[in-house]
Structure formats: structure tokens, C-alpha cells
Amino acid sequence: PRVLVARANVVRKVVKVAGKEARR
């Protein structure tokens, strides 16, 4: 989402997955 609205624990998981894909 361009604008993210989520619980902190969800953000942590999304950042982990999306960051990994960015590096790949």
C-alpha cells in the first residue's frame, strides 16, 4: 500500500518480507 495502516506486529512482518524481496 502507498499508505500503510497496520498494527506494529504486522508492519514488522511486512517489512521483513518486502525487504528480503527488495534485496533479492
mmCIF file of all heavy atoms, coordinates in Angstrom:
data_MODEL
# 
_entry.id   MODEL 
# 
loop_
_atom_site.group_PDB 
_atom_site.id 
_atom_site.type_symbol 
_atom_site.label_atom_id 
_atom_site.label_alt_id 
_atom_site.label_comp_id 
_atom_site.label_asym_id 
_atom_site.label_entity_id 
_atom_site.label_seq_id 
_atom_site.pdbx_PDB_ins_code 
_atom_site.Cartn_x 
_atom_site.Cartn_y 
_atom_site.Cartn_z 
_atom_site.occupancy 
_atom_site.B_iso_or_equiv 
_atom_site.pdbx_formal_charge 
_atom_site.auth_seq_id 
_atom_site.auth_comp_id 
_atom_site.auth_asym_id 
_atom_site.auth_atom_id 
_atom_site.pdbx_PDB_model_num 
ATOM 1   N N   . PRO A 1 1  ? 0.833  -1.208  0.000  1.00 0.00 ? 1  PRO A N   1 
ATOM 2   C CA  . PRO A 1 1  ? 0.000  0.000   0.000  1.00 0.00 ? 1  PRO A CA  1 
ATOM 3   C C   . PRO A 1 1  ? 0.861  1.249   0.000  1.00 0.00 ? 1  PRO A C   1 
ATOM 4   O O   . PRO A 1 1  ? 1.881  1.309   0.685  1.00 0.00 ? 1  PRO A O   1 
ATOM 5   C CB  . PRO A 1 1  ? -0.791 -0.120  1.307  1.00 0.00 ? 1  PRO A CB  1 
ATOM 6   C CG  . PRO A 1 1  ? 0.134  -0.867  2.202  1.00 0.00 ? 1  PRO A CG  1 
ATOM 7   C CD  . PRO A 1 1  ? 0.869  -1.849  1.323  1.00 0.00 ? 1  PRO A CD  1 
ATOM 8   N N   . ARG A 1 2  ? 0.459  2.243   -0.764 1.00 0.00 ? 2  ARG A N   1 
ATOM 9   C CA  . ARG A 1 2  ? 1.178  3.508   -0.721 1.00 0.00 ? 2  ARG A CA  1 
ATOM 10  C C   . ARG A 1 2  ? 1.074  4.109   0.683  1.00 0.00 ? 2  ARG A C   1 
ATOM 11  O O   . ARG A 1 2  ? 2.030  4.645   1.219  1.00 0.00 ? 2  ARG A O   1 
ATOM 12  C CB  . ARG A 1 2  ? 0.596  4.485   -1.747 1.00 0.00 ? 2  ARG A CB  1 
ATOM 13  C CG  . ARG A 1 2  ? 1.265  5.859   -1.720 1.00 0.00 ? 2  ARG A CG  1 
ATOM 14  C CD  . ARG A 1 2  ? 0.673  6.779   -2.754 1.00 0.00 ? 2  ARG A CD  1 
ATOM 15  N NE  . ARG A 1 2  ? 1.351  8.058   -2.762 1.00 0.00 ? 2  ARG A NE  1 
ATOM 16  C CZ  . ARG A 1 2  ? 1.024  9.063   -3.557 1.00 0.00 ? 2  ARG A CZ  1 
ATOM 17  N NH1 . ARG A 1 2  ? 0.019  8.928   -4.409 1.00 0.00 ? 2  ARG A NH1 1 
ATOM 18  N NH2 . ARG A 1 2  ? 1.673  10.206  -3.512 1.00 0.00 ? 2  ARG A NH2 1 
ATOM 19  N N   . VAL A 1 3  ? -0.116 4.034   1.244  1.00 0.00 ? 3  VAL A N   1 
ATOM 20  C CA  . VAL A 1 3  ? -0.347 4.489   2.615  1.00 0.00 ? 3  VAL A CA  1 
ATOM 21  C C   . VAL A 1 3  ? -0.615 3.259   3.470  1.00 0.00 ? 3  VAL A C   1 
ATOM 22  O O   . VAL A 1 3  ? -1.594 2.556   3.257  1.00 0.00 ? 3  VAL A O   1 
ATOM 23  C CB  . VAL A 1 3  ? -1.542 5.462   2.693  1.00 0.00 ? 3  VAL A CB  1 
ATOM 24  C CG1 . VAL A 1 3  ? -1.816 5.846   4.139  1.00 0.00 ? 3  VAL A CG1 1 
ATOM 25  C CG2 . VAL A 1 3  ? -1.273 6.710   1.862  1.00 0.00 ? 3  VAL A CG2 1 
ATOM 26  N N   . LEU A 1 4  ? 0.260  3.011   4.423  1.00 0.00 ? 4  LEU A N   1 
ATOM 27  C CA  . LEU A 1 4  ? 0.127  1.840   5.269  1.00 0.00 ? 4  LEU A CA  1 
ATOM 28  C C   . LEU A 1 4  ? -0.571 2.196   6.575  1.00 0.00 ? 4  LEU A C   1 
ATOM 29  O O   . LEU A 1 4  ? -0.254 3.204   7.200  1.00 0.00 ? 4  LEU A O   1 
ATOM 30  C CB  . LEU A 1 4  ? 1.504  1.252   5.559  1.00 0.00 ? 4  LEU A CB  1 
ATOM 31  C CG  . LEU A 1 4  ? 1.538  0.075   6.534  1.00 0.00 ? 4  LEU A CG  1 
ATOM 32  C CD1 . LEU A 1 4  ? 2.436  -1.024  6.018  1.00 0.00 ? 4  LEU A CD1 1 
ATOM 33  C CD2 . LEU A 1 4  ? 1.978  0.528   7.923  1.00 0.00 ? 4  LEU A CD2 1 
ATOM 34  N N   . VAL A 1 5  ? -1.540 1.362   6.963  1.00 0.00 ? 5  VAL A N   1 
ATOM 35  C CA  . VAL A 1 5  ? -2.201 1.475   8.260  1.00 0.00 ? 5  VAL A CA  1 
ATOM 36  C C   . VAL A 1 5  ? -2.271 0.059   8.824  1.00 0.00 ? 5  VAL A C   1 
ATOM 37  O O   . VAL A 1 5  ? -2.989 -0.781  8.290  1.00 0.00 ? 5  VAL A O   1 
ATOM 38  C CB  . VAL A 1 5  ? -3.625 2.065   8.139  1.00 0.00 ? 5  VAL A CB  1 
ATOM 39  C CG1 . VAL A 1 5  ? -4.248 2.214   9.522  1.00 0.00 ? 5  VAL A CG1 1 
ATOM 40  C CG2 . VAL A 1 5  ? -3.606 3.405   7.419  1.00 0.00 ? 5  VAL A CG2 1 
ATOM 41  N N   . ALA A 1 6  ? -1.520 -0.219  9.877  1.00 0.00 ? 6  ALA A N   1 
ATOM 42  C CA  . ALA A 1 6  ? -1.458 -1.597  10.368 1.00 0.00 ? 6  ALA A CA  1 
ATOM 43  C C   . ALA A 1 6  ? -0.949 -1.634  11.799 1.00 0.00 ? 6  ALA A C   1 
ATOM 44  O O   . ALA A 1 6  ? -0.319 -0.690  12.279 1.00 0.00 ? 6  ALA A O   1 
ATOM 45  C CB  . ALA A 1 6  ? -0.544 -2.436  9.477  1.00 0.00 ? 6  ALA A CB  1 
ATOM 46  N N   . ARG A 1 7  ? -1.241 -2.765  12.470 1.00 0.00 ? 7  ARG A N   1 
ATOM 47  C CA  . ARG A 1 7  ? -0.665 -2.999  13.780 1.00 0.00 ? 7  ARG A CA  1 
ATOM 48  C C   . ARG A 1 7  ? 0.854  -3.116  13.660 1.00 0.00 ? 7  ARG A C   1 
ATOM 49  O O   . ARG A 1 7  ? 1.372  -3.534  12.626 1.00 0.00 ? 7  ARG A O   1 
ATOM 50  C CB  . ARG A 1 7  ? -1.225 -4.282  14.380 1.00 0.00 ? 7  ARG A CB  1 
ATOM 51  C CG  . ARG A 1 7  ? -2.720 -4.260  14.660 1.00 0.00 ? 7  ARG A CG  1 
ATOM 52  C CD  . ARG A 1 7  ? -3.142 -5.538  15.343 1.00 0.00 ? 7  ARG A CD  1 
ATOM 53  N NE  . ARG A 1 7  ? -4.589 -5.595  15.545 1.00 0.00 ? 7  ARG A NE  1 
ATOM 54  C CZ  . ARG A 1 7  ? -5.195 -6.479  16.318 1.00 0.00 ? 7  ARG A CZ  1 
ATOM 55  N NH1 . ARG A 1 7  ? -4.479 -7.401  16.940 1.00 0.00 ? 7  ARG A NH1 1 
ATOM 56  N NH2 . ARG A 1 7  ? -6.509 -6.472  16.450 1.00 0.00 ? 7  ARG A NH2 1 
ATOM 57  N N   . ALA A 1 8  ? 1.546  -2.771  14.730 1.00 0.00 ? 8  ALA A N   1 
ATOM 58  C CA  . ALA A 1 8  ? 3.006  -2.787  14.701 1.00 0.00 ? 8  ALA A CA  1 
ATOM 59  C C   . ALA A 1 8  ? 3.554  -4.172  14.369 1.00 0.00 ? 8  ALA A C   1 
ATOM 60  O O   . ALA A 1 8  ? 4.527  -4.300  13.633 1.00 0.00 ? 8  ALA A O   1 
ATOM 61  C CB  . ALA A 1 8  ? 3.559  -2.296  16.036 1.00 0.00 ? 8  ALA A CB  1 
ATOM 62  N N   . ASN A 1 9  ? 2.913  -5.235  14.893 1.00 0.00 ? 9  ASN A N   1 
ATOM 63  C CA  . ASN A 1 9  ? 3.431  -6.577  14.627 1.00 0.00 ? 9  ASN A CA  1 
ATOM 64  C C   . ASN A 1 9  ? 3.267  -6.961  13.157 1.00 0.00 ? 9  ASN A C   1 
ATOM 65  O O   . ASN A 1 9  ? 4.072  -7.701  12.591 1.00 0.00 ? 9  ASN A O   1 
ATOM 66  C CB  . ASN A 1 9  ? 2.746  -7.609  15.528 1.00 0.00 ? 9  ASN A CB  1 
ATOM 67  C CG  . ASN A 1 9  ? 1.262  -7.748  15.243 1.00 0.00 ? 9  ASN A CG  1 
ATOM 68  O OD1 . ASN A 1 9  ? 0.574  -6.764  14.994 1.00 0.00 ? 9  ASN A OD1 1 
ATOM 69  N ND2 . ASN A 1 9  ? 0.758  -8.965  15.301 1.00 0.00 ? 9  ASN A ND2 1 
ATOM 70  N N   . VAL A 1 10 ? 2.219  -6.438  12.508 1.00 0.00 ? 10 VAL A N   1 
ATOM 71  C CA  . VAL A 1 10 ? 2.025  -6.693  11.073 1.00 0.00 ? 10 VAL A CA  1 
ATOM 72  C C   . VAL A 1 10 ? 3.086  -5.959  10.259 1.00 0.00 ? 10 VAL A C   1 
ATOM 73  O O   . VAL A 1 10 ? 3.658  -6.506  9.319  1.00 0.00 ? 10 VAL A O   1 
ATOM 74  C CB  . VAL A 1 10 ? 0.614  -6.265  10.635 1.00 0.00 ? 10 VAL A CB  1 
ATOM 75  C CG1 . VAL A 1 10 ? 0.465  -6.338  9.119  1.00 0.00 ? 10 VAL A CG1 1 
ATOM 76  C CG2 . VAL A 1 10 ? -0.438 -7.141  11.299 1.00 0.00 ? 10 VAL A CG2 1 
ATOM 77  N N   . VAL A 1 11 ? 3.356  -4.717  10.635 1.00 0.00 ? 11 VAL A N   1 
ATOM 78  C CA  . VAL A 1 11 ? 4.376  -3.938  9.922  1.00 0.00 ? 11 VAL A CA  1 
ATOM 79  C C   . VAL A 1 11 ? 5.718  -4.652  9.979  1.00 0.00 ? 11 VAL A C   1 
ATOM 80  O O   . VAL A 1 11 ? 6.443  -4.726  8.983  1.00 0.00 ? 11 VAL A O   1 
ATOM 81  C CB  . VAL A 1 11 ? 4.496  -2.520  10.514 1.00 0.00 ? 11 VAL A CB  1 
ATOM 82  C CG1 . VAL A 1 11 ? 5.600  -1.732  9.805  1.00 0.00 ? 11 VAL A CG1 1 
ATOM 83  C CG2 . VAL A 1 11 ? 3.166  -1.772  10.392 1.00 0.00 ? 11 VAL A CG2 1 
ATOM 84  N N   . ARG A 1 12 ? 6.055  -5.186  11.136 1.00 0.00 ? 12 ARG A N   1 
ATOM 85  C CA  . ARG A 1 12 ? 7.334  -5.888  11.281 1.00 0.00 ? 12 ARG A CA  1 
ATOM 86  C C   . ARG A 1 12 ? 7.433  -7.049  10.278 1.00 0.00 ? 12 ARG A C   1 
ATOM 87  O O   . ARG A 1 12 ? 8.469  -7.247  9.633  1.00 0.00 ? 12 ARG A O   1 
ATOM 88  C CB  . ARG A 1 12 ? 7.491  -6.413  12.709 1.00 0.00 ? 12 ARG A CB  1 
ATOM 89  C CG  . ARG A 1 12 ? 8.850  -7.039  12.996 1.00 0.00 ? 12 ARG A CG  1 
ATOM 90  C CD  . ARG A 1 12 ? 8.922  -7.541  14.429 1.00 0.00 ? 12 ARG A CD  1 
ATOM 91  N NE  . ARG A 1 12 ? 8.830  -6.475  15.396 1.00 0.00 ? 12 ARG A NE  1 
ATOM 92  C CZ  . ARG A 1 12 ? 9.873  -5.739  15.791 1.00 0.00 ? 12 ARG A CZ  1 
ATOM 93  N NH1 . ARG A 1 12 ? 11.070 -5.966  15.283 1.00 0.00 ? 12 ARG A NH1 1 
ATOM 94  N NH2 . ARG A 1 12 ? 9.706  -4.801  16.695 1.00 0.00 ? 12 ARG A NH2 1 
ATOM 95  N N   . LYS A 1 13 ? 6.358  -7.812  10.129 1.00 0.00 ? 13 LYS A N   1 
ATOM 96  C CA  . LYS A 1 13 ? 6.369  -8.950  9.216  1.00 0.00 ? 13 LYS A CA  1 
ATOM 97  C C   . LYS A 1 13 ? 6.445  -8.501  7.761  1.00 0.00 ? 13 LYS A C   1 
ATOM 98  O O   . LYS A 1 13 ? 7.181  -9.077  6.950  1.00 0.00 ? 13 LYS A O   1 
ATOM 99  C CB  . LYS A 1 13 ? 5.118  -9.798  9.443  1.00 0.00 ? 13 LYS A CB  1 
ATOM 100 C CG  . LYS A 1 13 ? 5.078  -10.474 10.809 1.00 0.00 ? 13 LYS A CG  1 
ATOM 101 C CD  . LYS A 1 13 ? 3.748  -11.168 11.045 1.00 0.00 ? 13 LYS A CD  1 
ATOM 102 C CE  . LYS A 1 13 ? 3.683  -11.798 12.422 1.00 0.00 ? 13 LYS A CE  1 
ATOM 103 N NZ  . LYS A 1 13 ? 2.365  -12.417 12.708 1.00 0.00 ? 13 LYS A NZ  1 
ATOM 104 N N   . VAL A 1 14 ? 5.689  -7.460  7.418  1.00 0.00 ? 14 VAL A N   1 
ATOM 105 C CA  . VAL A 1 14 ? 5.690  -6.971  6.034  1.00 0.00 ? 14 VAL A CA  1 
ATOM 106 C C   . VAL A 1 14 ? 7.052  -6.398  5.664  1.00 0.00 ? 14 VAL A C   1 
ATOM 107 O O   . VAL A 1 14 ? 7.571  -6.647  4.568  1.00 0.00 ? 14 VAL A O   1 
ATOM 108 C CB  . VAL A 1 14 ? 4.585  -5.916  5.832  1.00 0.00 ? 14 VAL A CB  1 
ATOM 109 C CG1 . VAL A 1 14 ? 4.688  -5.288  4.446  1.00 0.00 ? 14 VAL A CG1 1 
ATOM 110 C CG2 . VAL A 1 14 ? 3.206  -6.550  6.010  1.00 0.00 ? 14 VAL A CG2 1 
ATOM 111 N N   . VAL A 1 15 ? 7.644  -5.627  6.570  1.00 0.00 ? 15 VAL A N   1 
ATOM 112 C CA  . VAL A 1 15 ? 8.970  -5.051  6.309  1.00 0.00 ? 15 VAL A CA  1 
ATOM 113 C C   . VAL A 1 15 ? 9.996  -6.159  6.093  1.00 0.00 ? 15 VAL A C   1 
ATOM 114 O O   . VAL A 1 15 ? 10.856 -6.066  5.207  1.00 0.00 ? 15 VAL A O   1 
ATOM 115 C CB  . VAL A 1 15 ? 9.383  -4.123  7.471  1.00 0.00 ? 15 VAL A CB  1 
ATOM 116 C CG1 . VAL A 1 15 ? 10.865 -3.737  7.359  1.00 0.00 ? 15 VAL A CG1 1 
ATOM 117 C CG2 . VAL A 1 15 ? 8.516  -2.882  7.484  1.00 0.00 ? 15 VAL A CG2 1 
ATOM 118 N N   . LYS A 1 16 ? 9.905  -7.210  6.880  1.00 0.00 ? 16 LYS A N   1 
ATOM 119 C CA  . LYS A 1 16 ? 10.845 -8.326  6.751  1.00 0.00 ? 16 LYS A CA  1 
ATOM 120 C C   . LYS A 1 16 ? 10.721 -8.990  5.385  1.00 0.00 ? 16 LYS A C   1 
ATOM 121 O O   . LYS A 1 16 ? 11.724 -9.224  4.693  1.00 0.00 ? 16 LYS A O   1 
ATOM 122 C CB  . LYS A 1 16 ? 10.594 -9.348  7.856  1.00 0.00 ? 16 LYS A CB  1 
ATOM 123 C CG  . LYS A 1 16 ? 11.520 -10.558 7.813  1.00 0.00 ? 16 LYS A CG  1 
ATOM 124 C CD  . LYS A 1 16 ? 11.228 -11.516 8.965  1.00 0.00 ? 16 LYS A CD  1 
ATOM 125 C CE  . LYS A 1 16 ? 12.146 -12.735 8.919  1.00 0.00 ? 16 LYS A CE  1 
ATOM 126 N NZ  . LYS A 1 16 ? 11.872 -13.662 10.055 1.00 0.00 ? 16 LYS A NZ  1 
ATOM 127 N N   . VAL A 1 17 ? 9.481  -9.287  4.977  1.00 0.00 ? 17 VAL A N   1 
ATOM 128 C CA  . VAL A 1 17 ? 9.264  -9.977  3.705  1.00 0.00 ? 17 VAL A CA  1 
ATOM 129 C C   . VAL A 1 17 ? 9.600  -9.071  2.516  1.00 0.00 ? 17 VAL A C   1 
ATOM 130 O O   . VAL A 1 17 ? 10.320 -9.466  1.590  1.00 0.00 ? 17 VAL A O   1 
ATOM 131 C CB  . VAL A 1 17 ? 7.808  -10.473 3.605  1.00 0.00 ? 17 VAL A CB  1 
ATOM 132 C CG1 . VAL A 1 17 ? 7.533  -11.047 2.221  1.00 0.00 ? 17 VAL A CG1 1 
ATOM 133 C CG2 . VAL A 1 17 ? 7.534  -11.526 4.667  1.00 0.00 ? 17 VAL A CG2 1 
ATOM 134 N N   . ALA A 1 18 ? 9.072  -7.838  2.519  1.00 0.00 ? 18 ALA A N   1 
ATOM 135 C CA  . ALA A 1 18 ? 9.303  -6.929  1.395  1.00 0.00 ? 18 ALA A CA  1 
ATOM 136 C C   . ALA A 1 18 ? 10.770 -6.541  1.286  1.00 0.00 ? 18 ALA A C   1 
ATOM 137 O O   . ALA A 1 18 ? 11.319 -6.429  0.180  1.00 0.00 ? 18 ALA A O   1 
ATOM 138 C CB  . ALA A 1 18 ? 8.434  -5.678  1.551  1.00 0.00 ? 18 ALA A CB  1 
ATOM 139 N N   . GLY A 1 19 ? 11.425 -6.336  2.428  1.00 0.00 ? 19 GLY A N   1 
ATOM 140 C CA  . GLY A 1 19 ? 12.849 -6.007  2.400  1.00 0.00 ? 19 GLY A CA  1 
ATOM 141 C C   . GLY A 1 19 ? 13.681 -7.133  1.816  1.00 0.00 ? 19 GLY A C   1 
ATOM 142 O O   . GLY A 1 19 ? 14.618 -6.901  1.043  1.00 0.00 ? 19 GLY A O   1 
ATOM 143 N N   . LYS A 1 20 ? 13.335 -8.361  2.159  1.00 0.00 ? 20 LYS A N   1 
ATOM 144 C CA  . LYS A 1 20 ? 14.044 -9.525  1.617  1.00 0.00 ? 20 LYS A CA  1 
ATOM 145 C C   . LYS A 1 20 ? 13.878 -9.601  0.106  1.00 0.00 ? 20 LYS A C   1 
ATOM 146 O O   . LYS A 1 20 ? 14.837 -9.874  -0.628 1.00 0.00 ? 20 LYS A O   1 
ATOM 147 C CB  . LYS A 1 20 ? 13.509 -10.796 2.274  1.00 0.00 ? 20 LYS A CB  1 
ATOM 148 C CG  . LYS A 1 20 ? 14.169 -12.083 1.777  1.00 0.00 ? 20 LYS A CG  1 
ATOM 149 C CD  . LYS A 1 20 ? 13.594 -13.300 2.501  1.00 0.00 ? 20 LYS A CD  1 
ATOM 150 C CE  . LYS A 1 20 ? 14.222 -14.592 1.996  1.00 0.00 ? 20 LYS A CE  1 
ATOM 151 N NZ  . LYS A 1 20 ? 13.666 -15.782 2.711  1.00 0.00 ? 20 LYS A NZ  1 
ATOM 152 N N   . GLU A 1 21 ? 12.659 -9.341  -0.369 1.00 0.00 ? 21 GLU A N   1 
ATOM 153 C CA  . GLU A 1 21 ? 12.414 -9.382  -1.812 1.00 0.00 ? 21 GLU A CA  1 
ATOM 154 C C   . GLU A 1 21 ? 13.137 -8.248  -2.539 1.00 0.00 ? 21 GLU A C   1 
ATOM 155 O O   . GLU A 1 21 ? 13.583 -8.415  -3.673 1.00 0.00 ? 21 GLU A O   1 
ATOM 156 C CB  . GLU A 1 21 ? 10.914 -9.313  -2.078 1.00 0.00 ? 21 GLU A CB  1 
ATOM 157 C CG  . GLU A 1 21 ? 10.140 -10.528 -1.594 1.00 0.00 ? 21 GLU A CG  1 
ATOM 158 C CD  . GLU A 1 21 ? 10.623 -11.820 -2.247 1.00 0.00 ? 21 GLU A CD  1 
ATOM 159 O OE1 . GLU A 1 21 ? 10.924 -11.802 -3.460 1.00 0.00 ? 21 GLU A OE1 1 
ATOM 160 O OE2 . GLU A 1 21 ? 10.715 -12.846 -1.547 1.00 0.00 ? 21 GLU A OE2 1 
ATOM 161 N N   . ALA A 1 22 ? 13.252 -7.094  -1.887 1.00 0.00 ? 22 ALA A N   1 
ATOM 162 C CA  . ALA A 1 22 ? 13.978 -5.967  -2.486 1.00 0.00 ? 22 ALA A CA  1 
ATOM 163 C C   . ALA A 1 22 ? 15.449 -6.324  -2.671 1.00 0.00 ? 22 ALA A C   1 
ATOM 164 O O   . ALA A 1 22 ? 16.044 -6.060  -3.726 1.00 0.00 ? 22 ALA A O   1 
ATOM 165 C CB  . ALA A 1 22 ? 13.832 -4.729  -1.608 1.00 0.00 ? 22 ALA A CB  1 
ATOM 166 N N   . ARG A 1 23 ? 16.035 -6.936  -1.656 1.00 0.00 ? 23 ARG A N   1 
ATOM 167 C CA  . ARG A 1 23 ? 17.449 -7.322  -1.749 1.00 0.00 ? 23 ARG A CA  1 
ATOM 168 C C   . ARG A 1 23 ? 17.646 -8.414  -2.793 1.00 0.00 ? 23 ARG A C   1 
ATOM 169 O O   . ARG A 1 23 ? 18.637 -8.417  -3.534 1.00 0.00 ? 23 ARG A O   1 
ATOM 170 C CB  . ARG A 1 23 ? 17.947 -7.775  -0.372 1.00 0.00 ? 23 ARG A CB  1 
ATOM 171 C CG  . ARG A 1 23 ? 18.005 -6.646  0.645  1.00 0.00 ? 23 ARG A CG  1 
ATOM 172 C CD  . ARG A 1 23 ? 18.638 -7.076  1.952  1.00 0.00 ? 23 ARG A CD  1 
ATOM 173 N NE  . ARG A 1 23 ? 17.822 -8.038  2.679  1.00 0.00 ? 23 ARG A NE  1 
ATOM 174 C CZ  . ARG A 1 23 ? 16.832 -7.708  3.497  1.00 0.00 ? 23 ARG A CZ  1 
ATOM 175 N NH1 . ARG A 1 23 ? 16.524 -6.445  3.683  1.00 0.00 ? 23 ARG A NH1 1 
ATOM 176 N NH2 . ARG A 1 23 ? 16.149 -8.639  4.143  1.00 0.00 ? 23 ARG A NH2 1 
ATOM 177 N N   . ARG A 1 24 ? 16.695 -9.336  -2.899 1.00 0.00 ? 24 ARG A N   1 
ATOM 178 C CA  . ARG A 1 24 ? 16.778 -10.389 -3.910 1.00 0.00 ? 24 ARG A CA  1 
ATOM 179 C C   . ARG A 1 24 ? 16.725 -9.784  -5.312 1.00 0.00 ? 24 ARG A C   1 
ATOM 180 O O   . ARG A 1 24 ? 17.455 -10.198 -6.214 1.00 0.00 ? 24 ARG A O   1 
ATOM 181 C CB  . ARG A 1 24 ? 15.650 -11.385 -3.724 1.00 0.00 ? 24 ARG A CB  1 
ATOM 182 C CG  . ARG A 1 24 ? 15.615 -12.484 -4.771 1.00 0.00 ? 24 ARG A CG  1 
ATOM 183 C CD  . ARG A 1 24 ? 14.464 -13.445 -4.526 1.00 0.00 ? 24 ARG A CD  1 
ATOM 184 N NE  . ARG A 1 24 ? 14.630 -14.149 -3.254 1.00 0.00 ? 24 ARG A NE  1 
ATOM 185 C CZ  . ARG A 1 24 ? 13.711 -14.936 -2.726 1.00 0.00 ? 24 ARG A CZ  1 
ATOM 186 N NH1 . ARG A 1 24 ? 12.546 -15.115 -3.330 1.00 0.00 ? 24 ARG A NH1 1 
ATOM 187 N NH2 . ARG A 1 24 ? 13.950 -15.557 -1.578 1.00 0.00 ? 24 ARG A NH2 1 
# 
